[in-house]
Amino acid sequence: MTRDGTDSGYTRGSLVENAAMVRRQLDDGTAVIVFDNRRQTCNIVPADTLKTIVRA
């Protein structure tokens, strides 16, 4: 669960800390995993973002 070479700017935590943070967000529903069938990729996005995309 990394994006090597990128800087999200959200946190300066270790990989373990960042993974735990994302896991908590997935567990509590504030983040979701989205699969792009055309690109065959997965992304983790904020649940609110997904709600906005689905409405469009």
C-alpha atoms as a PDB file:
ATOM      1  CA  MET A   1       0.000   0.000   0.000  1.00  0.00           C
ATOM      2  CA  THR A   2       2.414   2.617  -1.189  1.00  0.00           C
ATOM      3  CA  ARG A   3       2.750   5.121  -3.926  1.00  0.00           C
ATOM      4  CA  ASP A   4       6.508   5.077  -4.094  1.00  0.00           C
ATOM      5  CA  GLY A   5       7.960   8.373  -5.200  1.00  0.00           C
ATOM      6  CA  THR A   6       4.888  10.421  -4.336  1.00  0.00           C
ATOM      7  CA  ASP A   7       4.195  12.746  -1.460  1.00  0.00           C
ATOM      8  CA  SER A   8       0.575  12.840  -0.406  1.00  0.00           C
ATOM      9  CA  GLY A   9       1.196  15.708   1.970  1.00  0.00           C
ATOM     10  CA  TYR A  10      -1.307  14.278   4.443  1.00  0.00           C
ATOM     11  CA  THR A  11       0.989  12.651   6.938  1.00  0.00           C
ATOM     12  CA  ARG A  12       4.629  12.084   7.657  1.00  0.00           C
ATOM     13  CA  GLY A  13       4.049   8.825   9.492  1.00  0.00           C
ATOM     14  CA  SER A  14       5.866   5.576   8.875  1.00  0.00           C
ATOM     15  CA  LEU A  15       4.503   3.000   6.461  1.00  0.00           C
ATOM     16  CA  VAL A  16       3.156   1.000   9.416  1.00  0.00           C
ATOM     17  CA  GLU A  17       1.413   4.077  10.867  1.00  0.00           C
ATOM     18  CA  ASN A  18      -0.031   5.079   7.493  1.00  0.00           C
ATOM     19  CA  ALA A  19      -1.265   1.548   6.799  1.00  0.00           C
ATOM     20  CA  ALA A  20      -2.963   1.445  10.215  1.00  0.00           C
ATOM     21  CA  MET A  21      -4.601   4.819   9.548  1.00  0.00           C
ATOM     22  CA  VAL A  22      -5.958   3.655   6.183  1.00  0.00           C
ATOM     23  CA  ARG A  23      -7.154   0.366   7.688  1.00  0.00           C
ATOM     24  CA  ARG A  24      -9.085   2.270  10.375  1.00  0.00           C
ATOM     25  CA  GLN A  25     -10.679   4.441   7.689  1.00  0.00           C
ATOM     26  CA  LEU A  26     -11.687   1.356   5.692  1.00  0.00           C
ATOM     27  CA  ASP A  27     -13.045  -0.324   8.831  1.00  0.00           C
ATOM     28  CA  ASP A  28     -15.123   2.677   9.882  1.00  0.00           C
ATOM     29  CA  GLY A  29     -16.401   3.377   6.370  1.00  0.00           C
ATOM     30  CA  THR A  30     -14.793   6.778   5.866  1.00  0.00           C
ATOM     31  CA  ALA A  31     -12.694   5.315   3.025  1.00  0.00           C
ATOM     32  CA  VAL A  32     -13.563   2.743   0.366  1.00  0.00           C
ATOM     33  CA  ILE A  33     -11.705   0.672  -2.216  1.00  0.00           C
ATOM     34  CA  VAL A  34     -12.733   1.470  -5.789  1.00  0.00           C
ATOM     35  CA  PHE A  35     -11.923  -0.791  -8.760  1.00  0.00           C
ATOM     36  CA  ASP A  36     -11.524   0.772 -12.225  1.00  0.00           C
ATOM     37  CA  ASN A  37     -12.393  -2.022 -14.633  1.00  0.00           C
ATOM     38  CA  ARG A  38     -11.102  -0.158 -17.682  1.00  0.00           C
ATOM     39  CA  ARG A  39      -7.660   0.424 -16.169  1.00  0.00           C
ATOM     40  CA  GLN A  40      -7.677  -2.728 -14.019  1.00  0.00           C
ATOM     41  CA  THR A  41      -6.553  -0.724 -10.977  1.00  0.00           C
ATOM     42  CA  CYS A  42      -7.744  -0.205  -7.410  1.00  0.00           C
ATOM     43  CA  ASN A  43      -7.673   2.995  -5.402  1.00  0.00           C
ATOM     44  CA  ILE A  44      -8.592   3.896  -1.862  1.00  0.00           C
ATOM     45  CA  VAL A  45     -10.712   7.042  -1.783  1.00  0.00           C
ATOM     46  CA  PRO A  46     -12.671   8.941   0.855  1.00  0.00           C
ATOM     47  CA  ALA A  47     -16.254   7.653   1.023  1.00  0.00           C
ATOM     48  CA  ASP A  48     -17.553  11.207   0.541  1.00  0.00           C
ATOM     49  CA  THR A  49     -15.689  11.421  -2.767  1.00  0.00           C
ATOM     50  CA  LEU A  50     -17.323   8.228  -3.975  1.00  0.00           C
ATOM     51  CA  LYS A  51     -20.784   9.577  -3.091  1.00  0.00           C
ATOM     52  CA  THR A  52     -20.063  12.680  -5.185  1.00  0.00           C
ATOM     53  CA  ILE A  53     -18.855  10.624  -8.163  1.00  0.00           C
ATOM     54  CA  VAL A  54     -21.843   8.259  -8.070  1.00  0.00           C
ATOM     55  CA  ARG A  55     -24.298  11.184  -8.089  1.00  0.00           C
ATOM     56  CA  ALA A  56     -22.681  12.757 -11.177  1.00  0.00           C
END
